[in-house]
Protein backbone atom coordinates (compact mmCIF):
# COMPACT_ATOMS: atom_id res chain seq x y z
CA UNK A 1 -0.16 45.78 -0.48
CA UNK A 2 -2.48 42.98 -1.52
CA UNK A 3 -1.77 40.57 -4.36
CA UNK A 4 -4.44 42.15 -6.56
CA UNK A 5 -3.02 45.63 -5.93
CA UNK A 6 0.43 44.35 -6.90
CA UNK A 7 -0.86 42.82 -10.14
CA UNK A 8 -3.39 45.47 -11.13
CA UNK A 9 -1.31 47.85 -13.23
CA UNK A 10 1.35 45.39 -14.38
CA UNK A 11 1.95 44.39 -18.00
CA UNK A 12 2.07 40.61 -17.46
CA UNK A 13 3.31 37.67 -19.50
CA UNK A 14 2.67 34.07 -18.44
CA UNK A 15 5.75 32.04 -19.35
CA UNK A 16 4.62 28.46 -20.04
CA UNK A 17 1.02 27.34 -20.48
CA UNK A 18 0.83 23.96 -18.77
CA UNK A 19 -1.40 23.31 -15.76
CA UNK A 20 0.18 26.07 -13.67
CA UNK A 21 0.19 28.53 -16.56
CA UNK A 22 -3.53 27.87 -17.09
CA UNK A 23 -4.20 28.37 -13.37
CA UNK A 24 -2.34 31.68 -13.53
CA UNK A 25 -4.35 32.79 -16.56
CA UNK A 26 -7.68 31.81 -14.95
CA UNK A 27 -6.76 33.69 -11.76
CA UNK A 28 -5.79 36.84 -13.63
CA UNK A 29 -8.83 36.72 -15.87
CA UNK A 30 -11.15 36.15 -12.88
CA UNK A 31 -9.96 39.40 -11.28
CA UNK A 32 -9.04 41.48 -14.33
CA UNK A 33 -11.69 40.93 -17.00
CA UNK A 34 -10.34 43.46 -19.50
CA UNK A 35 -6.61 43.26 -18.80
CA UNK A 36 -4.35 42.32 -21.70
CA UNK A 37 -2.57 39.11 -20.75
CA UNK A 38 0.23 37.64 -22.86
CA UNK A 39 1.05 33.94 -22.99
CA UNK A 40 4.52 32.84 -24.12
CA UNK A 41 5.13 29.17 -24.86
CA UNK A 42 7.41 27.18 -27.15
CA UNK A 43 4.45 24.97 -28.06
CA UNK A 44 2.49 26.50 -30.94
CA UNK A 45 -0.48 24.20 -30.30
CA UNK A 46 -1.50 25.26 -26.81
CA UNK A 47 -5.11 24.84 -25.68
CA UNK A 48 -6.85 28.08 -26.68
CA UNK A 49 -10.39 27.04 -25.77
CA UNK A 50 -10.69 29.35 -22.75
CA UNK A 51 -8.69 32.31 -24.05
CA UNK A 52 -10.50 35.57 -24.82
CA UNK A 53 -9.95 38.53 -27.11
CA UNK A 54 -7.81 40.32 -24.51
CA UNK A 55 -5.16 37.58 -24.70
CA UNK A 56 -2.02 37.93 -26.80
CA UNK A 57 0.16 34.97 -27.80
CA UNK A 58 3.93 34.58 -28.25
CA UNK A 59 4.31 31.00 -29.47
CA UNK A 60 7.02 28.94 -31.14
CA UNK A 61 10.80 29.13 -31.22
CA UNK A 62 10.91 32.90 -30.59
CA UNK A 63 8.67 32.85 -27.51
CA UNK A 64 11.45 34.24 -25.28
CA UNK A 65 12.11 37.31 -27.42
CA UNK A 66 11.40 40.80 -26.03
CA UNK A 67 10.39 39.58 -22.57
CA UNK A 68 12.12 42.63 -21.10
CA UNK A 69 9.21 44.83 -22.26
CA UNK A 70 6.91 43.25 -19.66
CA UNK A 71 6.65 44.43 -16.05
CA UNK A 72 6.17 40.92 -14.70
CA UNK A 73 7.02 37.46 -16.03
CA UNK A 74 5.07 34.76 -14.16
CA UNK A 75 7.12 31.64 -14.91
CA UNK A 76 5.83 28.07 -14.88
CA UNK A 77 8.22 25.42 -13.45
CA UNK A 78 8.40 23.45 -16.71
CA UNK A 79 10.03 26.27 -18.67
CA UNK A 80 13.78 25.60 -18.93
CA UNK A 81 15.98 28.70 -19.13
CA UNK A 82 19.27 26.79 -19.02
CA UNK A 83 21.81 28.22 -21.51
CA UNK A 84 19.52 31.22 -22.14
CA UNK A 85 20.76 34.78 -21.59
CA UNK A 86 18.15 36.10 -19.17
CA UNK A 87 20.12 39.12 -17.97
CA UNK A 88 17.66 41.48 -19.66
CA UNK A 89 14.63 40.19 -17.77
CA UNK A 90 15.75 38.04 -14.82
CA UNK A 91 14.68 40.64 -12.25
CA UNK A 92 11.12 40.48 -13.63
CA UNK A 93 10.69 36.72 -13.21
CA UNK A 94 8.37 35.57 -10.42
CA UNK A 95 6.40 32.39 -9.64
CA UNK A 96 3.04 31.66 -8.06
CA UNK A 97 5.05 30.35 -5.07
CA UNK A 98 6.56 33.79 -4.47
CA UNK A 99 3.20 35.50 -4.95
CA UNK A 100 1.78 33.23 -2.27
CA UNK A 101 4.59 33.90 0.20
CA UNK A 102 4.69 37.65 -0.36
CA UNK A 103 1.03 38.57 -0.59
CA UNK A 104 -1.01 36.18 1.58
CA UNK A 105 -1.36 35.74 5.33
CA UNK A 106 -1.27 32.62 7.47
CA UNK A 107 1.48 30.05 8.07
CA UNK A 108 3.42 28.67 5.09
CA UNK A 109 5.26 25.33 5.12
CA UNK A 110 7.48 24.67 2.10
CA UNK A 111 8.65 21.12 1.32
CA UNK A 112 11.43 20.35 -1.15
CA UNK A 113 13.97 17.61 -1.81
CA UNK A 114 14.96 15.37 -4.67
CA UNK A 115 12.73 12.57 -3.39
CA UNK A 116 9.88 12.32 -0.89
CA UNK A 117 8.26 15.74 -1.43
CA UNK A 118 4.79 14.50 -2.29
CA UNK A 119 4.69 11.85 0.45
CA UNK A 120 5.92 14.23 3.16
CA UNK A 121 3.63 17.07 2.01
CA UNK A 122 0.64 14.73 1.99
CA UNK A 123 1.34 13.34 5.46
CA UNK A 124 1.74 16.89 6.81
CA UNK A 125 -1.53 17.92 5.21
CA UNK A 126 -3.36 14.91 6.68
CA UNK A 127 -1.87 15.50 10.15
CA UNK A 128 -2.93 19.16 10.15
CA UNK A 129 -6.38 18.42 8.77
CA UNK A 130 -7.04 15.71 11.37
CA UNK A 131 -6.17 18.24 14.09
CA UNK A 132 -8.83 20.67 12.90
CA UNK A 133 -6.57 23.13 11.11
CA UNK A 134 -7.68 25.04 8.03
CA UNK A 135 -5.07 23.71 5.64
CA UNK A 136 -4.39 23.65 1.88
CA UNK A 137 -1.97 21.42 -0.04
CA UNK A 138 -0.65 23.12 -3.19
CA UNK A 139 2.25 23.34 -5.61
CA UNK A 140 4.17 20.57 -7.30
CA UNK A 141 1.74 17.99 -5.83
CA UNK A 142 -0.61 18.83 -8.72
CA UNK A 143 -2.84 21.55 -7.24
CA UNK A 144 -1.64 24.91 -8.64
CA UNK A 145 -1.22 27.58 -5.98
CA UNK A 146 -3.38 30.14 -7.72
CA UNK A 147 -6.34 27.72 -7.67
CA UNK A 148 -6.49 28.17 -3.88
CA UNK A 149 -4.93 31.57 -3.21
CA UNK A 150 -8.25 33.41 -2.81
CA UNK A 151 -9.21 31.01 0.00
CA UNK A 152 -6.09 31.60 2.08
CA UNK A 153 -6.36 33.91 5.13
CA UNK A 154 -4.62 34.56 8.45
CA UNK A 155 -6.07 31.34 9.92
CA UNK A 156 -4.77 29.15 7.10
CA UNK A 157 -1.80 26.79 7.06
CA UNK A 158 -0.56 26.24 3.49
CA UNK A 159 1.63 23.23 2.74
CA UNK A 160 3.54 23.82 -0.50
CA UNK A 161 5.41 21.13 -2.40
CA UNK A 162 8.21 23.05 -4.13
CA UNK A 163 10.45 21.89 -6.98
CA UNK A 164 13.94 23.16 -7.79
CA UNK A 165 12.47 24.73 -10.95
CA UNK A 166 10.24 26.91 -8.76
CA UNK A 167 13.00 27.69 -6.26
CA UNK A 168 15.57 28.63 -8.91
CA UNK A 169 14.60 32.32 -8.97
CA UNK A 170 12.98 32.57 -5.51
CA UNK A 171 13.86 35.52 -3.30
CA UNK A 172 11.55 34.67 -0.39
CA UNK A 173 11.20 31.68 1.94
CA UNK A 174 8.34 30.12 3.95
CA UNK A 175 7.88 30.21 7.74
CA UNK A 176 8.83 26.54 7.98
CA UNK A 177 11.18 25.22 5.30
CA UNK A 178 11.82 21.50 4.81
CA UNK A 179 14.76 20.08 2.84
CA UNK A 180 14.39 16.30 2.70
CA UNK A 181 17.47 15.35 0.68
CA UNK A 182 19.53 16.27 -2.38
CA UNK A 183 20.72 13.83 -5.05
CA UNK A 184 21.92 14.55 -8.61
CA UNK A 185 18.70 15.14 -10.57
CA UNK A 186 17.18 17.55 -13.10
CA UNK A 187 20.62 18.27 -14.50
CA UNK A 188 18.90 18.77 -17.85
CA UNK A 189 17.26 21.85 -16.27
CA UNK A 190 20.33 23.21 -14.45
CA UNK A 191 23.72 24.32 -15.69
CA UNK A 192 25.45 22.30 -12.94
CA UNK A 193 24.90 20.23 -9.82
CA UNK A 194 26.02 23.28 -7.85
CA UNK A 195 23.18 25.35 -9.35
CA UNK A 196 20.70 22.60 -8.45
CA UNK A 197 21.91 22.52 -4.83
CA UNK A 198 21.80 26.32 -4.59
CA UNK A 199 18.21 26.29 -5.84
CA UNK A 200 17.20 23.73 -3.20
CA UNK A 201 18.69 25.86 -0.40
CA UNK A 202 16.61 28.83 -1.57
CA UNK A 203 13.79 27.14 0.39
CA UNK A 204 15.41 28.62 3.53
CA UNK A 205 17.88 31.23 2.32
CA UNK A 206 15.54 34.20 2.92
CA UNK A 207 14.09 33.18 6.28
CA UNK A 208 14.16 35.40 9.35
CA UNK A 209 15.39 34.33 12.77
CA UNK A 210 11.79 33.60 13.77
CA UNK A 211 11.45 30.96 11.06
CA UNK A 212 12.40 27.27 11.06
CA UNK A 213 14.56 25.28 8.66
CA UNK A 214 14.29 21.48 8.99
CA UNK A 215 17.00 19.63 7.07
CA UNK A 216 18.45 16.14 6.59
CA UNK A 217 21.76 15.82 8.40
CA UNK A 218 22.42 12.36 6.92
CA UNK A 219 22.50 13.61 3.33
CA UNK A 220 26.05 14.18 2.09
CA UNK A 221 25.28 17.01 -0.34
CA UNK A 222 23.39 18.88 2.38
CA UNK A 223 26.14 18.32 4.96
CA UNK A 224 28.83 19.54 2.56
CA UNK A 225 26.98 22.75 1.68
CA UNK A 226 28.08 25.87 3.53
CA UNK A 227 24.90 27.46 4.88
CA UNK A 228 24.20 29.99 7.61
CA UNK A 229 21.96 27.92 9.88
CA UNK A 230 19.85 29.61 12.57
CA UNK A 231 19.23 28.92 16.24
CA UNK A 232 15.73 27.59 15.51
CA UNK A 233 16.77 25.13 12.82
CA UNK A 234 16.18 21.40 13.31
CA UNK A 235 18.32 18.51 12.14
CA UNK A 236 16.80 15.22 11.00
CA UNK A 237 18.67 11.90 11.13
CA UNK A 238 17.76 8.24 10.90
CA UNK A 239 21.28 7.39 12.12
CA UNK A 240 21.19 9.52 15.29
CA UNK A 241 23.79 11.61 13.46
CA UNK A 242 23.03 15.04 14.87
CA UNK A 243 25.08 18.00 16.07
CA UNK A 244 22.29 20.51 16.68
CA UNK A 245 20.49 21.21 19.95
CA UNK A 246 17.21 20.84 18.03
CA UNK A 247 16.79 17.45 16.38
CA UNK A 248 14.42 14.65 15.48
CA UNK A 249 16.19 11.34 15.09
CA UNK A 250 15.90 7.57 15.02
CA UNK A 251 17.80 5.55 17.59
CA UNK A 252 17.33 1.81 18.15
CA UNK A 253 13.97 1.84 16.33
CA UNK A 254 12.69 4.72 18.45
CA UNK A 255 11.92 8.24 17.23
CA UNK A 256 12.96 11.13 19.49
CA UNK A 257 12.54 14.89 19.49
CA UNK A 258 15.65 16.05 21.34
CA UNK A 259 15.51 13.61 24.29
CA UNK A 260 11.75 13.07 24.25
CA UNK A 261 10.46 9.72 22.98
CA UNK A 262 7.78 10.06 20.28
CA UNK A 263 7.04 6.58 18.88
CA UNK A 264 8.54 3.25 17.83
CA UNK A 265 9.47 3.15 14.15
CA UNK A 266 8.63 -0.56 13.93
CA UNK A 267 4.96 0.05 14.72
CA UNK A 268 2.70 -1.00 11.85
CA UNK A 269 2.81 1.68 9.17
CA UNK A 270 1.01 1.73 5.82
CA UNK A 271 4.04 3.33 4.15
CA UNK A 272 7.19 1.20 4.10
CA UNK A 273 10.92 1.72 3.99
CA UNK A 274 13.71 3.64 5.66
CA UNK A 275 13.19 6.58 3.30
CA UNK A 276 9.60 6.91 4.52
CA UNK A 277 10.73 6.77 8.16
CA UNK A 278 12.95 9.70 7.21
CA UNK A 279 9.93 11.55 5.78
CA UNK A 280 7.97 10.90 8.98
CA UNK A 281 10.73 12.45 11.12
CA UNK A 282 10.19 15.76 9.30
CA UNK A 283 6.46 15.55 10.03
CA UNK A 284 7.19 15.08 13.73
CA UNK A 285 9.47 18.12 13.66
CA UNK A 286 6.61 20.27 12.33
CA UNK A 287 4.24 18.71 14.86
CA UNK A 288 6.55 19.78 17.69
CA UNK A 289 7.08 23.29 16.27
CA UNK A 290 3.32 23.83 16.06
CA UNK A 291 2.69 22.06 19.39
CA UNK A 292 0.19 19.66 17.83
CA UNK A 293 -1.44 16.80 19.71
CA UNK A 294 1.25 14.07 19.59
CA UNK A 295 -1.18 11.15 19.89
CA UNK A 296 -3.21 12.46 16.93
CA UNK A 297 -0.03 12.98 14.90
CA UNK A 298 1.05 9.38 15.55
CA UNK A 299 -2.43 8.09 14.71
CA UNK A 300 -2.44 9.92 11.37
CA UNK A 301 1.10 8.84 10.48
CA UNK A 302 0.05 5.21 10.95
CA UNK A 303 -3.02 5.61 8.74
CA UNK A 304 -1.46 7.33 5.70
CA UNK A 305 -1.19 5.03 2.68
CA UNK A 306 1.38 5.18 -0.15
CA UNK A 307 0.63 7.62 -2.94
CA UNK A 308 0.10 6.40 -6.49
CA UNK A 309 3.24 5.26 -8.33
CA UNK A 310 5.27 5.25 -5.11
CA UNK A 311 6.02 1.65 -4.20
CA UNK A 312 2.33 1.07 -4.94
CA UNK A 313 1.07 -2.50 -4.76
CA UNK A 314 -0.91 -3.25 -7.92
CA UNK A 315 -1.94 -6.78 -7.09
CA UNK A 316 -1.17 -10.44 -7.63
CA UNK A 317 -1.60 -11.74 -11.18
CA UNK A 318 -0.71 -15.32 -12.17
CA UNK A 319 0.91 -15.74 -8.73
CA UNK A 320 3.28 -12.79 -9.33
CA UNK A 321 3.11 -9.65 -7.15
CA UNK A 322 3.42 -6.41 -9.11
CA UNK A 323 4.56 -3.05 -7.72
CA UNK A 324 4.54 0.35 -9.41
CA UNK A 325 7.36 2.68 -8.36
CA UNK A 326 7.36 4.86 -11.48
CA UNK A 327 8.24 7.92 -9.36
CA UNK A 328 11.76 6.51 -8.92
CA UNK A 329 13.74 8.71 -11.32
CA UNK A 330 17.17 8.34 -9.70
CA UNK A 331 19.25 5.27 -8.74
CA UNK A 332 18.95 5.91 -4.98
CA UNK A 333 15.15 5.69 -5.18
CA UNK A 334 15.21 2.36 -7.03
CA UNK A 335 17.76 0.92 -4.60
CA UNK A 336 15.64 2.00 -1.60
CA UNK A 337 12.55 0.39 -3.11
CA UNK A 338 14.28 -2.95 -3.75
CA UNK A 339 15.71 -2.95 -0.22
CA UNK A 340 12.30 -2.26 1.26
CA UNK A 341 10.34 -4.84 -0.73
CA UNK A 342 13.13 -7.46 -0.32
CA UNK A 343 11.44 -10.13 -2.46
CA UNK A 344 12.07 -8.54 -5.88
CA UNK A 345 12.77 -11.15 -8.55
CA UNK A 346 12.34 -8.92 -11.63
CA UNK A 347 13.15 -5.22 -12.09
CA UNK A 348 11.89 -3.14 -15.02
CA UNK A 349 14.13 -0.08 -15.34
CA UNK A 350 15.27 2.57 -17.79
CA UNK A 351 14.17 5.94 -19.10
CA UNK A 352 15.43 9.27 -20.38
CA UNK A 353 19.20 9.75 -20.15
CA UNK A 354 19.76 13.09 -18.37
CA UNK A 355 23.41 12.46 -17.62
CA UNK A 356 22.76 10.90 -14.20
CA UNK A 357 25.15 7.99 -13.74
CA UNK A 358 23.67 4.58 -12.98
CA UNK A 359 26.86 3.15 -11.42
CA UNK A 360 25.42 2.77 -7.91
CA UNK A 361 22.37 0.90 -9.18
CA UNK A 362 24.49 -1.37 -11.39
CA UNK A 363 26.80 -2.16 -8.46
CA UNK A 364 23.82 -2.80 -6.19
CA UNK A 365 22.08 -5.08 -8.71
CA UNK A 366 25.24 -7.14 -9.28
CA UNK A 367 25.27 -8.11 -5.61
CA UNK A 368 21.49 -8.31 -5.10
CA UNK A 369 19.03 -11.21 -5.23
CA UNK A 370 17.25 -9.64 -8.21
CA UNK A 371 17.53 -12.31 -10.90
CA UNK A 372 15.91 -10.60 -13.90
CA UNK A 373 16.48 -7.05 -15.14
CA UNK A 374 14.31 -5.82 -18.02
CA UNK A 375 15.94 -2.80 -19.61
CA UNK A 376 14.03 -0.06 -21.46
CA UNK A 377 15.45 2.86 -23.45
CA UNK A 378 17.57 4.85 -22.90
CA UNK A 379 19.38 4.30 -19.59
CA UNK A 380 18.21 0.70 -19.38
CA UNK A 381 20.35 -0.16 -22.39
CA UNK A 382 23.39 1.22 -20.55
CA UNK A 383 22.53 -0.93 -17.54
CA UNK A 384 22.06 -3.94 -19.86
CA UNK A 385 25.64 -3.69 -21.13
CA UNK A 386 27.09 -3.71 -17.63
CA UNK A 387 24.87 -6.47 -16.21
CA UNK A 388 24.66 -8.99 -19.05
CA UNK A 389 27.46 -11.11 -17.58
CA UNK A 390 25.93 -11.16 -14.09
CA UNK A 391 22.13 -11.31 -14.41
CA UNK A 392 19.35 -12.43 -16.70
CA UNK A 393 18.96 -9.19 -18.65
CA UNK A 394 16.47 -8.41 -21.40
CA UNK A 395 16.00 -5.45 -23.72
CA UNK A 396 12.46 -4.15 -24.22
CA UNK A 397 11.59 -1.40 -26.67
CA UNK A 398 8.33 -0.44 -24.92
CA UNK A 399 6.28 -1.11 -21.79
CA UNK A 400 4.10 -3.73 -23.44
CA UNK A 401 7.14 -5.79 -24.33
CA UNK A 402 8.64 -5.29 -20.85
CA UNK A 403 5.50 -6.55 -19.11
CA UNK A 404 5.26 -9.55 -21.47
CA UNK A 405 8.84 -10.57 -20.60
CA UNK A 406 8.21 -9.95 -16.88
CA UNK A 407 5.21 -12.27 -16.83
CA UNK A 408 7.28 -14.99 -18.50
CA UNK A 409 10.42 -14.82 -16.34
CA UNK A 410 9.32 -13.75 -12.84
CA UNK A 411 9.16 -16.58 -10.33
CA UNK A 412 5.83 -17.41 -8.71
CA UNK A 413 5.07 -15.71 -5.37
CA UNK A 414 7.83 -13.17 -5.97
CA UNK A 415 7.80 -9.51 -7.04
CA UNK A 416 8.03 -7.77 -10.38
CA UNK A 417 8.89 -4.12 -9.77
CA UNK A 418 8.70 -1.14 -12.12
CA UNK A 419 11.28 1.32 -10.79
CA UNK A 420 12.91 3.19 -13.69
CA UNK A 421 15.86 4.93 -11.97
CA UNK A 422 15.45 7.58 -14.69
CA UNK A 423 13.01 10.16 -15.98
CA UNK A 424 10.09 9.01 -18.14
CA UNK A 425 10.13 11.90 -20.62
CA UNK A 426 11.77 9.98 -23.47
CA UNK A 427 8.65 7.87 -24.14
CA UNK A 428 5.98 9.18 -21.76
CA UNK A 429 4.40 12.49 -20.82
CA UNK A 430 5.45 11.95 -17.18
CA UNK A 431 5.99 9.24 -14.58
CA UNK A 432 2.23 9.06 -13.90
CA UNK A 433 1.53 8.05 -17.49
CA UNK A 434 4.31 5.45 -17.37
CA UNK A 435 2.89 3.95 -14.17
CA UNK A 436 -0.69 4.02 -15.44
CA UNK A 437 0.25 2.16 -18.63
CA UNK A 438 2.19 -0.40 -16.58
CA UNK A 439 -0.88 -0.98 -14.39
CA UNK A 440 -3.23 -1.35 -17.34
CA UNK A 441 -0.95 -3.93 -18.94
CA UNK A 442 -0.75 -5.90 -15.69
CA UNK A 443 -4.47 -5.77 -14.98
CA UNK A 444 -5.45 -6.34 -18.60
């Protein structure tokens, strides 16, 4: 059965009308001109500019009522169903990710993890493209799957960045599944940390014995999880901490696949830090599975530059170097960034309080060379209270105030780093907006 055959006679509701919901609507309307399509969204002020007379709307507080009457509920990742009784319609929920895996041909590579998804997905995409493969990069990276699905055929490799929100209800897995790491995150979306971990493992839970699961054997939450690993599966470790016969690991600054040397990790790379070395190991694992040209893989890995808002160098202004790491929404990410840059004199941190403890960051900062910590609402104010006896700490109510303080207190020829260690949703639409505003204030 093709995707269009599957969708043709279904009574469909699109749950959530953000970028992915709009892509779903456009795809359905492209192929089914006269089909009645329902959109359900809590926001009563959705963009209606491209909706036609065959579109019905369920908007506002009661948008989840009577969903059981639909044959298919195509859910967007941003819709939170935590604490909602979905027993009447759970079996009807599907995502564009599942539609891709079930109803298209070609090789699928799924990439998930708390941190590093976009970087790893992008490097994989660049490696495959440079080796002449027909490849698409879709999903959480910002390119909705249904924008590309008509272009995917048996000769296509599709790299999919997948969030836990997408994986939560998934009942199918890709040919190659990548699990980079798991840290406490998105607990505002999940009922528990256990639910979050279970969702992440759905990336590989439904694989066959012909498929490959590549996972981080250094990560404690992954190691503790009881999972039925397969013969083909590959362990990744930057500490040579492997127990599997199939492994990619770092030992004495050298990267190996099993016992075969691949490259030196201290060769000049555009992307910095131990966490990015970890991401690269996963790319090499895929390269070996697909028997790609190793020299071309190495060449591409060396050329890839950091993505926006990921330890991104903004420039030197008034003899201060500014870095944007707005993507850092958990303490581990901020700690990794400071360790990598080394010369951080001022940290701007803080964001939405989702119940993720900041203890590790506070402990790290106490013993670090970071002299100034500028604390923004909400989690920054918690950090402020714990650090005020140990560091120069400042409260800022907004980004403009934070940047003003940073320019006044940061030592010359040292670094001011934006790395929130928390989500940006309390004051910003997303981390991209937070980073963009930071850049404008620095450059302006």
